[in-house]
């Protein structure tokens, strides 16, 4: 085996390892982006203990209502902050 052939093989192995490392880093960054998004949504969506529904406040440019109630069983209540909704506060 010629010395030049060994260098090519090592070069290919080095490049292949680098590519695998980049793919692993990309997957890690993609999953951490979803983790950040999940925590932001948990901070915005609340669970009302009186009517037992999840709800969130809506910006005025999105909808004219001040808040939106989500149907039961659509959004898991685990990890949501307990806060009484505007409908239950009025009663």
N, C-alpha and C. Protein backbone atom coordinates (compact mmCIF):
# COMPACT_ATOMS: atom_id res chain seq x y z
N UNK A 1 0.85 -1.19 0.00
CA UNK A 1 0.00 0.00 0.00
C UNK A 1 0.89 1.24 0.00
N UNK A 2 0.58 2.14 -0.82
CA UNK A 2 1.35 3.36 -0.96
C UNK A 2 1.00 4.33 0.18
N UNK A 3 1.93 5.15 0.57
CA UNK A 3 1.72 6.10 1.66
C UNK A 3 0.65 7.13 1.32
N UNK A 4 0.50 7.49 0.05
CA UNK A 4 -0.53 8.43 -0.38
C UNK A 4 -1.93 7.86 -0.21
N UNK A 5 -2.08 6.54 -0.38
CA UNK A 5 -3.39 5.89 -0.21
C UNK A 5 -3.82 5.94 1.26
N UNK A 6 -2.89 5.76 2.18
CA UNK A 6 -3.22 5.83 3.60
C UNK A 6 -3.72 7.22 3.96
N UNK A 7 -3.10 8.22 3.43
CA UNK A 7 -3.52 9.58 3.73
C UNK A 7 -4.93 9.86 3.23
N UNK A 8 -5.28 9.34 2.08
CA UNK A 8 -6.62 9.53 1.54
C UNK A 8 -7.65 8.84 2.42
N UNK A 9 -7.34 7.63 2.87
CA UNK A 9 -8.27 6.90 3.73
C UNK A 9 -8.48 7.66 5.04
N UNK A 10 -7.41 8.13 5.64
CA UNK A 10 -7.56 8.89 6.90
C UNK A 10 -8.32 10.19 6.66
N UNK A 11 -8.10 10.80 5.53
CA UNK A 11 -8.83 12.05 5.21
C UNK A 11 -10.32 11.78 5.10
N UNK A 12 -10.67 10.69 4.41
CA UNK A 12 -12.09 10.33 4.27
C UNK A 12 -12.71 10.01 5.62
N UNK A 13 -12.00 9.29 6.46
CA UNK A 13 -12.51 8.97 7.80
C UNK A 13 -12.72 10.23 8.64
N UNK A 14 -11.78 11.14 8.56
CA UNK A 14 -11.92 12.39 9.30
C UNK A 14 -13.13 13.18 8.83
N UNK A 15 -13.33 13.28 7.55
CA UNK A 15 -14.48 14.03 7.01
C UNK A 15 -15.80 13.35 7.37
N UNK A 16 -15.83 12.04 7.34
CA UNK A 16 -17.04 11.30 7.69
C UNK A 16 -17.39 11.52 9.15
N UNK A 17 -16.42 11.47 10.03
CA UNK A 17 -16.68 11.72 11.45
C UNK A 17 -17.18 13.13 11.67
N UNK A 18 -16.62 14.08 10.99
CA UNK A 18 -17.04 15.48 11.12
C UNK A 18 -18.50 15.64 10.70
N UNK A 19 -18.87 14.97 9.59
CA UNK A 19 -20.24 15.06 9.09
C UNK A 19 -21.21 14.45 10.11
N UNK A 20 -20.83 13.32 10.68
CA UNK A 20 -21.69 12.69 11.69
C UNK A 20 -21.83 13.59 12.91
N UNK A 21 -20.77 14.24 13.30
CA UNK A 21 -20.83 15.14 14.45
C UNK A 21 -21.76 16.32 14.16
N UNK A 22 -21.71 16.86 12.96
CA UNK A 22 -22.60 17.97 12.60
C UNK A 22 -24.06 17.54 12.63
N UNK A 23 -24.35 16.33 12.15
CA UNK A 23 -25.72 15.85 12.17
C UNK A 23 -26.22 15.69 13.60
N UNK A 24 -25.37 15.19 14.47
CA UNK A 24 -25.77 15.05 15.88
C UNK A 24 -26.01 16.41 16.51
N UNK A 25 -25.18 17.38 16.22
CA UNK A 25 -25.36 18.72 16.77
C UNK A 25 -26.63 19.36 16.24
N UNK A 26 -26.93 19.15 14.96
CA UNK A 26 -28.14 19.72 14.37
C UNK A 26 -29.38 19.13 15.04
N UNK A 27 -29.40 17.82 15.27
CA UNK A 27 -30.54 17.19 15.93
C UNK A 27 -30.68 17.70 17.35
N UNK A 28 -29.58 17.90 18.04
CA UNK A 28 -29.63 18.41 19.41
C UNK A 28 -30.19 19.83 19.43
N UNK A 29 -29.76 20.69 18.53
CA UNK A 29 -30.27 22.06 18.49
C UNK A 29 -31.74 22.10 18.11
N UNK A 30 -32.16 21.23 17.23
CA UNK A 30 -33.56 21.20 16.82
C UNK A 30 -34.44 20.78 17.99
N UNK A 31 -34.04 19.78 18.77
CA UNK A 31 -34.85 19.33 19.89
C UNK A 31 -34.88 20.39 20.99
N UNK A 32 -33.78 21.09 21.22
CA UNK A 32 -33.78 22.11 22.27
C UNK A 32 -34.67 23.30 21.87
N UNK A 33 -34.83 23.55 20.58
CA UNK A 33 -35.73 24.62 20.15
C UNK A 33 -37.17 24.28 20.52
N UNK A 34 -37.56 23.01 20.39
CA UNK A 34 -38.90 22.61 20.77
C UNK A 34 -39.08 22.69 22.28
N UNK A 35 -38.04 22.38 23.04
CA UNK A 35 -38.15 22.50 24.49
C UNK A 35 -38.41 23.94 24.88
N UNK A 36 -37.71 24.86 24.27
CA UNK A 36 -37.92 26.28 24.58
C UNK A 36 -39.34 26.70 24.22
N UNK A 37 -39.83 26.24 23.10
CA UNK A 37 -41.18 26.59 22.68
C UNK A 37 -42.20 26.03 23.65
N UNK A 38 -42.02 24.81 24.12
CA UNK A 38 -42.96 24.19 25.03
C UNK A 38 -43.07 25.00 26.32
N UNK A 39 -41.96 25.46 26.83
CA UNK A 39 -42.00 26.23 28.07
C UNK A 39 -42.69 27.57 27.86
N UNK A 40 -42.53 28.17 26.72
CA UNK A 40 -43.22 29.44 26.45
C UNK A 40 -44.72 29.24 26.39
N UNK A 41 -45.18 28.17 25.78
CA UNK A 41 -46.62 27.91 25.69
C UNK A 41 -47.19 27.60 27.06
N UNK A 42 -46.46 26.87 27.88
CA UNK A 42 -46.94 26.60 29.24
C UNK A 42 -47.06 27.87 30.05
N UNK A 43 -46.29 28.88 29.74
CA UNK A 43 -46.39 30.14 30.47
C UNK A 43 -47.58 30.98 30.00
N UNK A 44 -48.12 30.72 28.83
CA UNK A 44 -49.21 31.52 28.27
C UNK A 44 -50.57 30.86 28.49
N UNK A 45 -50.63 29.54 28.46
CA UNK A 45 -51.90 28.82 28.63
C UNK A 45 -52.08 28.50 30.10
N UNK A 46 -53.28 28.80 30.63
CA UNK A 46 -53.58 28.58 32.04
C UNK A 46 -54.69 27.56 32.19
N UNK A 47 -54.83 27.04 33.42
CA UNK A 47 -55.89 26.09 33.73
C UNK A 47 -56.78 26.71 34.80
N UNK A 48 -58.07 26.81 34.52
CA UNK A 48 -59.04 27.36 35.47
C UNK A 48 -59.55 26.22 36.35
N UNK A 49 -59.39 26.35 37.66
CA UNK A 49 -59.81 25.28 38.57
C UNK A 49 -61.32 25.29 38.80
N UNK A 50 -62.00 26.40 38.51
CA UNK A 50 -63.45 26.44 38.71
C UNK A 50 -64.20 25.77 37.57
N UNK A 51 -63.92 26.15 36.33
CA UNK A 51 -64.62 25.55 35.19
C UNK A 51 -63.84 24.38 34.58
N UNK A 52 -62.64 24.13 35.07
CA UNK A 52 -61.78 23.01 34.64
C UNK A 52 -61.50 23.02 33.15
N UNK A 53 -61.23 24.20 32.61
CA UNK A 53 -60.85 24.33 31.20
C UNK A 53 -59.54 25.09 31.10
N UNK A 54 -58.84 24.84 30.02
CA UNK A 54 -57.63 25.61 29.75
C UNK A 54 -58.01 26.84 28.94
N UNK A 55 -57.28 27.92 29.18
CA UNK A 55 -57.58 29.18 28.50
C UNK A 55 -56.30 29.99 28.38
N UNK A 56 -56.34 30.98 27.49
CA UNK A 56 -55.19 31.88 27.33
C UNK A 56 -55.68 33.26 26.92
N UNK A 57 -54.89 34.23 27.25
CA UNK A 57 -55.20 35.60 26.85
C UNK A 57 -54.80 35.78 25.38
N UNK A 58 -55.57 36.60 24.68
CA UNK A 58 -55.33 36.79 23.24
C UNK A 58 -55.01 38.27 23.00
N UNK A 59 -53.97 38.57 22.24
CA UNK A 59 -53.70 39.96 21.90
C UNK A 59 -54.84 40.56 21.08
N UNK A 60 -55.08 41.85 21.24
CA UNK A 60 -56.22 42.49 20.58
C UNK A 60 -56.10 42.48 19.06
N UNK A 61 -54.90 42.39 18.50
CA UNK A 61 -54.76 42.39 17.05
C UNK A 61 -55.03 41.00 16.45
N UNK A 62 -55.08 39.96 17.29
CA UNK A 62 -55.37 38.62 16.80
C UNK A 62 -56.87 38.36 16.81
N UNK A 63 -57.53 38.75 17.90
CA UNK A 63 -58.96 38.49 18.04
C UNK A 63 -59.54 39.57 18.94
N UNK A 64 -60.84 39.86 18.77
CA UNK A 64 -61.46 40.91 19.57
C UNK A 64 -61.76 40.44 20.99
N UNK A 65 -61.81 39.13 21.19
CA UNK A 65 -62.03 38.61 22.54
C UNK A 65 -60.76 38.78 23.36
N UNK A 66 -60.93 38.91 24.66
CA UNK A 66 -59.76 39.10 25.53
C UNK A 66 -59.08 37.79 25.86
N UNK A 67 -59.83 36.68 25.82
CA UNK A 67 -59.24 35.38 26.09
C UNK A 67 -59.98 34.30 25.31
N UNK A 68 -59.35 33.14 25.19
CA UNK A 68 -59.91 32.01 24.46
C UNK A 68 -59.92 30.80 25.39
N UNK A 69 -61.07 30.12 25.44
CA UNK A 69 -61.16 28.86 26.19
C UNK A 69 -61.02 27.72 25.19
N UNK A 70 -60.21 26.74 25.56
CA UNK A 70 -60.00 25.59 24.70
C UNK A 70 -60.91 24.45 25.15
N UNK A 71 -61.38 23.62 24.23
CA UNK A 71 -62.24 22.49 24.62
C UNK A 71 -61.51 21.56 25.60
N UNK A 72 -62.30 20.96 26.49
CA UNK A 72 -61.70 20.04 27.46
C UNK A 72 -61.09 18.85 26.74
N UNK A 73 -60.06 18.31 27.34
CA UNK A 73 -59.33 17.14 26.84
C UNK A 73 -58.49 17.42 25.60
N UNK A 74 -58.48 18.65 25.08
CA UNK A 74 -57.64 18.95 23.92
C UNK A 74 -56.22 19.32 24.34
N UNK A 75 -56.09 20.03 25.43
CA UNK A 75 -54.78 20.46 25.91
C UNK A 75 -54.54 19.83 27.28
N UNK A 76 -53.44 19.14 27.49
CA UNK A 76 -53.18 18.54 28.80
C UNK A 76 -53.00 19.62 29.85
N UNK A 77 -53.50 19.36 31.04
CA UNK A 77 -53.45 20.35 32.12
C UNK A 77 -52.19 20.21 32.96
N UNK A 78 -51.43 19.18 32.75
CA UNK A 78 -50.21 18.95 33.52
C UNK A 78 -49.18 20.03 33.20
N UNK A 79 -48.70 20.70 34.22
CA UNK A 79 -47.69 21.74 34.03
C UNK A 79 -48.25 23.12 33.77
N UNK A 80 -49.55 23.26 33.69
CA UNK A 80 -50.16 24.58 33.46
C UNK A 80 -50.33 25.31 34.79
N UNK A 81 -50.18 26.62 34.76
CA UNK A 81 -50.40 27.43 35.95
C UNK A 81 -51.89 27.50 36.24
N UNK A 82 -52.26 27.45 37.51
CA UNK A 82 -53.67 27.53 37.91
C UNK A 82 -54.03 29.00 38.06
N UNK A 83 -54.98 29.45 37.25
CA UNK A 83 -55.41 30.84 37.29
C UNK A 83 -56.88 30.88 36.88
N UNK A 84 -57.69 31.60 37.64
CA UNK A 84 -59.12 31.66 37.36
C UNK A 84 -59.36 32.52 36.12
N UNK A 85 -60.21 32.01 35.21
CA UNK A 85 -60.47 32.73 33.95
C UNK A 85 -61.41 33.90 34.19
N UNK A 86 -61.56 34.76 33.22
CA UNK A 86 -62.39 35.98 33.34
C UNK A 86 -63.86 35.65 33.51
N UNK A 87 -64.34 34.57 32.88
CA UNK A 87 -65.74 34.18 33.04
C UNK A 87 -66.04 33.78 34.49
N UNK A 88 -65.16 33.05 35.11
CA UNK A 88 -65.38 32.60 36.49
C UNK A 88 -65.13 33.73 37.50
N UNK A 89 -64.31 34.71 37.17
CA UNK A 89 -64.10 35.84 38.07
C UNK A 89 -65.35 36.70 38.16
N UNK A 90 -66.11 36.80 37.06
CA UNK A 90 -67.31 37.63 37.04
C UNK A 90 -68.44 37.02 37.88
N UNK A 91 -68.45 35.70 38.02
CA UNK A 91 -69.52 35.01 38.75
C UNK A 91 -69.34 35.08 40.22
